[in-house]
Amino acid sequence: MILSKNILKYLKEGKTLEEACAKAGVVQNELNIWKLWADKGLQPYADFFREIQNYR
């Protein structure tokens, strides 16, 4: 979940989600997989997506 913390850091700096992912080295496919895991109830991923909603 280190990459997700980096994404959140860049979002806090005012980057868009796409910019934050690119800067953190996360490709869209990877983000989609995290979303699937969050939807399945895996807590760290669910927490991550709940938190990024604050920056949209």
PDB file of N, CA and C in Angstrom:
ATOM      1  N   MET A   1       0.814  -1.194   0.000  1.00  0.00           N
ATOM      2  CA  MET A   1       0.000   0.000   0.000  1.00  0.00           C
ATOM      3  C   MET A   1       0.863   1.265   0.000  1.00  0.00           C
ATOM      4  N   ILE A   2       2.158   1.103  -0.153  1.00  0.00           N
ATOM      5  CA  ILE A   2       3.038   2.272  -0.220  1.00  0.00           C
ATOM      6  C   ILE A   2       2.682   3.130  -1.431  1.00  0.00           C
ATOM      7  N   LEU A   3       2.384   2.489  -2.560  1.00  0.00           N
ATOM      8  CA  LEU A   3       2.025   3.253  -3.754  1.00  0.00           C
ATOM      9  C   LEU A   3       0.763   4.070  -3.528  1.00  0.00           C
ATOM     10  N   SER A   4      -0.201   3.501  -2.805  1.00  0.00           N
ATOM     11  CA  SER A   4      -1.435   4.248  -2.555  1.00  0.00           C
ATOM     12  C   SER A   4      -1.158   5.463  -1.662  1.00  0.00           C
ATOM     13  N   LYS A   5      -0.221   5.327  -0.727  1.00  0.00           N
ATOM     14  CA  LYS A   5       0.134   6.477   0.109  1.00  0.00           C
ATOM     15  C   LYS A   5       0.794   7.566  -0.725  1.00  0.00           C
ATOM     16  N   ASN A   6       1.600   7.155  -1.712  1.00  0.00           N
ATOM     17  CA  ASN A   6       2.215   8.130  -2.609  1.00  0.00           C
ATOM     18  C   ASN A   6       1.155   8.841  -3.438  1.00  0.00           C
ATOM     19  N   ILE A   7       0.166   8.095  -3.916  1.00  0.00           N
ATOM     20  CA  ILE A   7      -0.912   8.701  -4.689  1.00  0.00           C
ATOM     21  C   ILE A   7      -1.638   9.730  -3.843  1.00  0.00           C
ATOM     22  N   LEU A   8      -1.963   9.376  -2.614  1.00  0.00           N
ATOM     23  CA  LEU A   8      -2.653  10.313  -1.726  1.00  0.00           C
ATOM     24  C   LEU A   8      -1.809  11.559  -1.476  1.00  0.00           C
ATOM     25  N   LYS A   9      -0.506  11.368  -1.337  1.00  0.00           N
ATOM     26  CA  LYS A   9       0.393  12.510  -1.128  1.00  0.00           C
ATOM     27  C   LYS A   9       0.314  13.470  -2.312  1.00  0.00           C
ATOM     28  N   TYR A  10       0.332  12.935  -3.531  1.00  0.00           N
ATOM     29  CA  TYR A  10       0.270  13.782  -4.716  1.00  0.00           C
ATOM     30  C   TYR A  10      -1.108  14.423  -4.877  1.00  0.00           C
ATOM     31  N   LEU A  11      -2.159  13.721  -4.483  1.00  0.00           N
ATOM     32  CA  LEU A  11      -3.495  14.323  -4.529  1.00  0.00           C
ATOM     33  C   LEU A  11      -3.577  15.513  -3.572  1.00  0.00           C
ATOM     34  N   LYS A  12      -2.957  15.365  -2.404  1.00  0.00           N
ATOM     35  CA  LYS A  12      -2.950  16.452  -1.427  1.00  0.00           C
ATOM     36  C   LYS A  12      -2.190  17.660  -1.957  1.00  0.00           C
ATOM     37  N   GLU A  13      -1.238  17.423  -2.862  1.00  0.00           N
ATOM     38  CA  GLU A  13      -0.473  18.512  -3.474  1.00  0.00           C
ATOM     39  C   GLU A  13      -1.268  19.193  -4.592  1.00  0.00           C
ATOM     40  N   GLY A  14      -2.457  18.683  -4.899  1.00  0.00           N
ATOM     41  CA  GLY A  14      -3.295  19.311  -5.910  1.00  0.00           C
ATOM     42  C   GLY A  14      -3.265  18.652  -7.276  1.00  0.00           C
ATOM     43  N   LYS A  15      -2.599  17.504  -7.390  1.00  0.00           N
ATOM     44  CA  LYS A  15      -2.554  16.794  -8.662  1.00  0.00           C
ATOM     45  C   LYS A  15      -3.902  16.106  -8.915  1.00  0.00           C
ATOM     46  N   THR A  16      -4.210  15.842 -10.191  1.00  0.00           N
ATOM     47  CA  THR A  16      -5.394  15.049 -10.509  1.00  0.00           C
ATOM     48  C   THR A  16      -5.068  13.591 -10.209  1.00  0.00           C
ATOM     49  N   LEU A  17      -6.075  12.742 -10.192  1.00  0.00           N
ATOM     50  CA  LEU A  17      -5.844  11.321  -9.928  1.00  0.00           C
ATOM     51  C   LEU A  17      -4.917  10.728 -10.983  1.00  0.00           C
ATOM     52  N   GLU A  18      -5.113  11.088 -12.235  1.00  0.00           N
ATOM     53  CA  GLU A  18      -4.272  10.572 -13.309  1.00  0.00           C
ATOM     54  C   GLU A  18      -2.818  11.020 -13.136  1.00  0.00           C
ATOM     55  N   GLU A  19      -2.630  12.292 -12.797  1.00  0.00           N
ATOM     56  CA  GLU A  19      -1.277  12.809 -12.580  1.00  0.00           C
ATOM     57  C   GLU A  19      -0.623  12.141 -11.372  1.00  0.00           C
ATOM     58  N   ALA A  20      -1.397  11.973 -10.298  1.00  0.00           N
ATOM     59  CA  ALA A  20      -0.866  11.353  -9.084  1.00  0.00           C
ATOM     60  C   ALA A  20      -0.457   9.913  -9.345  1.00  0.00           C
ATOM     61  N   CYS A  21      -1.282   9.186 -10.098  1.00  0.00           N
ATOM     62  CA  CYS A  21      -0.951   7.792 -10.421  1.00  0.00           C
ATOM     63  C   CYS A  21       0.311   7.722 -11.265  1.00  0.00           C
ATOM     64  N   ALA A  22       0.394   8.576 -12.274  1.00  0.00           N
ATOM     65  CA  ALA A  22       1.579   8.574 -13.140  1.00  0.00           C
ATOM     66  C   ALA A  22       2.834   8.899 -12.341  1.00  0.00           C
ATOM     67  N   LYS A  23       2.741   9.889 -11.465  1.00  0.00           N
ATOM     68  CA  LYS A  23       3.897  10.290 -10.664  1.00  0.00           C
ATOM     69  C   LYS A  23       4.302   9.183  -9.689  1.00  0.00           C
ATOM     70  N   ALA A  24       3.310   8.419  -9.189  1.00  0.00           N
ATOM     71  CA  ALA A  24       3.596   7.333  -8.248  1.00  0.00           C
ATOM     72  C   ALA A  24       3.991   6.039  -8.960  1.00  0.00           C
ATOM     73  N   GLY A  25       3.853   6.025 -10.283  1.00  0.00           N
ATOM     74  CA  GLY A  25       4.224   4.831 -11.042  1.00  0.00           C
ATOM     75  C   GLY A  25       3.140   3.765 -11.067  1.00  0.00           C
ATOM     76  N   VAL A  26       1.891   4.183 -10.955  1.00  0.00           N
ATOM     77  CA  VAL A  26       0.762   3.247 -10.964  1.00  0.00           C
ATOM     78  C   VAL A  26       0.022   3.409 -12.286  1.00  0.00           C
ATOM     79  N   VAL A  27      -0.129   2.305 -13.015  1.00  0.00           N
ATOM     80  CA  VAL A  27      -0.848   2.355 -14.292  1.00  0.00           C
ATOM     81  C   VAL A  27      -2.344   2.156 -14.047  1.00  0.00           C
ATOM     82  N   GLN A  28      -3.168   2.555 -15.009  1.00  0.00           N
ATOM     83  CA  GLN A  28      -4.620   2.492 -14.861  1.00  0.00           C
ATOM     84  C   GLN A  28      -5.103   1.073 -14.574  1.00  0.00           C
ATOM     85  N   ASN A  29      -4.497   0.074 -15.207  1.00  0.00           N
ATOM     86  CA  ASN A  29      -4.890  -1.319 -14.959  1.00  0.00           C
ATOM     87  C   ASN A  29      -4.731  -1.690 -13.493  1.00  0.00           C
ATOM     88  N   GLU A  30      -3.636  -1.257 -12.913  1.00  0.00           N
ATOM     89  CA  GLU A  30      -3.370  -1.542 -11.503  1.00  0.00           C
ATOM     90  C   GLU A  30      -4.429  -0.889 -10.619  1.00  0.00           C
ATOM     91  N   LEU A  31      -4.789   0.347 -10.937  1.00  0.00           N
ATOM     92  CA  LEU A  31      -5.821   1.053 -10.186  1.00  0.00           C
ATOM     93  C   LEU A  31      -7.163   0.338 -10.317  1.00  0.00           C
ATOM     94  N   ASN A  32      -7.453  -0.188 -11.504  1.00  0.00           N
ATOM     95  CA  ASN A  32      -8.692  -0.946 -11.716  1.00  0.00           C
ATOM     96  C   ASN A  32      -8.722  -2.209 -10.868  1.00  0.00           C
ATOM     97  N   ILE A  33      -7.587  -2.874 -10.757  1.00  0.00           N
ATOM     98  CA  ILE A  33      -7.507  -4.086  -9.926  1.00  0.00           C
ATOM     99  C   ILE A  33      -7.727  -3.728  -8.460  1.00  0.00           C
ATOM    100  N   TRP A  34      -7.123  -2.627  -8.012  1.00  0.00           N
ATOM    101  CA  TRP A  34      -7.332  -2.174  -6.626  1.00  0.00           C
ATOM    102  C   TRP A  34      -8.805  -1.916  -6.380  1.00  0.00           C
ATOM    103  N   LYS A  35      -9.486  -1.328  -7.386  1.00  0.00           N
ATOM    104  CA  LYS A  35     -10.912  -1.024  -7.249  1.00  0.00           C
ATOM    105  C   LYS A  35     -11.712  -2.318  -7.125  1.00  0.00           C
ATOM    106  N   LEU A  36     -11.365  -3.321  -7.901  1.00  0.00           N
ATOM    107  CA  LEU A  36     -12.041  -4.621  -7.792  1.00  0.00           C
ATOM    108  C   LEU A  36     -11.852  -5.212  -6.398  1.00  0.00           C
ATOM    109  N   TRP A  37     -10.641  -5.136  -5.886  1.00  0.00           N
ATOM    110  CA  TRP A  37     -10.368  -5.643  -4.546  1.00  0.00           C
ATOM    111  C   TRP A  37     -11.153  -4.865  -3.496  1.00  0.00           C
ATOM    112  N   ALA A  38     -11.254  -3.556  -3.684  1.00  0.00           N
ATOM    113  CA  ALA A  38     -12.028  -2.731  -2.752  1.00  0.00           C
ATOM    114  C   ALA A  38     -13.492  -3.139  -2.786  1.00  0.00           C
ATOM    115  N   ASP A  39     -14.007  -3.384  -3.994  1.00  0.00           N
ATOM    116  CA  ASP A  39     -15.400  -3.801  -4.140  1.00  0.00           C
ATOM    117  C   ASP A  39     -15.652  -5.168  -3.511  1.00  0.00           C
ATOM    118  N   LYS A  40     -14.618  -6.002  -3.456  1.00  0.00           N
ATOM    119  CA  LYS A  40     -14.727  -7.326  -2.823  1.00  0.00           C
ATOM    120  C   LYS A  40     -14.603  -7.238  -1.305  1.00  0.00           C
ATOM    121  N   GLY A  41     -14.314  -6.043  -0.797  1.00  0.00           N
ATOM    122  CA  GLY A  41     -14.277  -5.842   0.640  1.00  0.00           C
ATOM    123  C   GLY A  41     -12.908  -5.873   1.283  1.00  0.00           C
ATOM    124  N   LEU A  42     -11.843  -5.883   0.502  1.00  0.00           N
ATOM    125  CA  LEU A  42     -10.509  -5.841   1.097  1.00  0.00           C
ATOM    126  C   LEU A  42     -10.281  -4.449   1.684  1.00  0.00           C
ATOM    127  N   GLN A  43     -10.186  -4.392   2.980  1.00  0.00           N
ATOM    128  CA  GLN A  43     -10.240  -3.133   3.717  1.00  0.00           C
ATOM    129  C   GLN A  43      -9.209  -2.075   3.321  1.00  0.00           C
ATOM    130  N   PRO A  44      -7.922  -2.412   3.173  1.00  0.00           N
ATOM    131  CA  PRO A  44      -6.975  -1.343   2.828  1.00  0.00           C
ATOM    132  C   PRO A  44      -7.330  -0.651   1.514  1.00  0.00           C
ATOM    133  N   TYR A  45      -7.822  -1.415   0.551  1.00  0.00           N
ATOM    134  CA  TYR A  45      -8.182  -0.841  -0.743  1.00  0.00           C
ATOM    135  C   TYR A  45      -9.482  -0.055  -0.650  1.00  0.00           C
ATOM    136  N   ALA A  46     -10.420  -0.541   0.129  1.00  0.00           N
ATOM    137  CA  ALA A  46     -11.673   0.190   0.349  1.00  0.00           C
ATOM    138  C   ALA A  46     -11.377   1.529   1.030  1.00  0.00           C
ATOM    139  N   ASP A  47     -10.501   1.513   2.005  1.00  0.00           N
ATOM    140  CA  ASP A  47     -10.115   2.750   2.696  1.00  0.00           C
ATOM    141  C   ASP A  47      -9.466   3.734   1.732  1.00  0.00           C
ATOM    142  N   PHE A  48      -8.603   3.217   0.857  1.00  0.00           N
ATOM    143  CA  PHE A  48      -7.915   4.064  -0.114  1.00  0.00           C
ATOM    144  C   PHE A  48      -8.924   4.763  -1.021  1.00  0.00           C
ATOM    145  N   PHE A  49      -9.879   4.022  -1.562  1.00  0.00           N
ATOM    146  CA  PHE A  49     -10.849   4.629  -2.470  1.00  0.00           C
ATOM    147  C   PHE A  49     -11.795   5.577  -1.740  1.00  0.00           C
ATOM    148  N   ARG A  50     -12.081   5.286  -0.503  1.00  0.00           N
ATOM    149  CA  ARG A  50     -12.898   6.209   0.294  1.00  0.00           C
ATOM    150  C   ARG A  50     -12.138   7.525   0.501  1.00  0.00           C
ATOM    151  N   GLU A  51     -10.842   7.422   0.745  1.00  0.00           N
ATOM    152  CA  GLU A  51     -10.043   8.624   0.982  1.00  0.00           C
ATOM    153  C   GLU A  51      -9.838   9.453  -0.288  1.00  0.00           C
ATOM    154  N   ILE A  52      -9.648   8.796  -1.443  1.00  0.00           N
ATOM    155  CA  ILE A  52      -9.427   9.597  -2.646  1.00  0.00           C
ATOM    156  C   ILE A  52     -10.703  10.345  -3.058  1.00  0.00           C
ATOM    157  N   GLN A  53     -11.852   9.917  -2.572  1.00  0.00           N
ATOM    158  CA  GLN A  53     -13.080  10.648  -2.865  1.00  0.00           C
ATOM    159  C   GLN A  53     -13.018  12.066  -2.306  1.00  0.00           C
ATOM    160  N   ASN A  54     -12.249  12.279  -1.250  1.00  0.00           N
ATOM    161  CA  ASN A  54     -12.089  13.606  -0.660  1.00  0.00           C
ATOM    162  C   ASN A  54     -11.377  14.568  -1.602  1.00  0.00           C
ATOM    163  N   TYR A  55     -10.647  14.039  -2.585  1.00  0.00           N
ATOM    164  CA  TYR A  55      -9.840  14.891  -3.460  1.00  0.00           C
ATOM    165  C   TYR A  55     -10.432  15.043  -4.847  1.00  0.00           C
ATOM    166  N   ARG A  56     -11.577  14.444  -5.081  1.00  0.00           N
ATOM    167  CA  ARG A  56     -12.211  14.552  -6.416  1.00  0.00           C
ATOM    168  C   ARG A  56     -13.128  15.714  -6.476  1.00  0.00           C
TER     169      ARG A  56
END
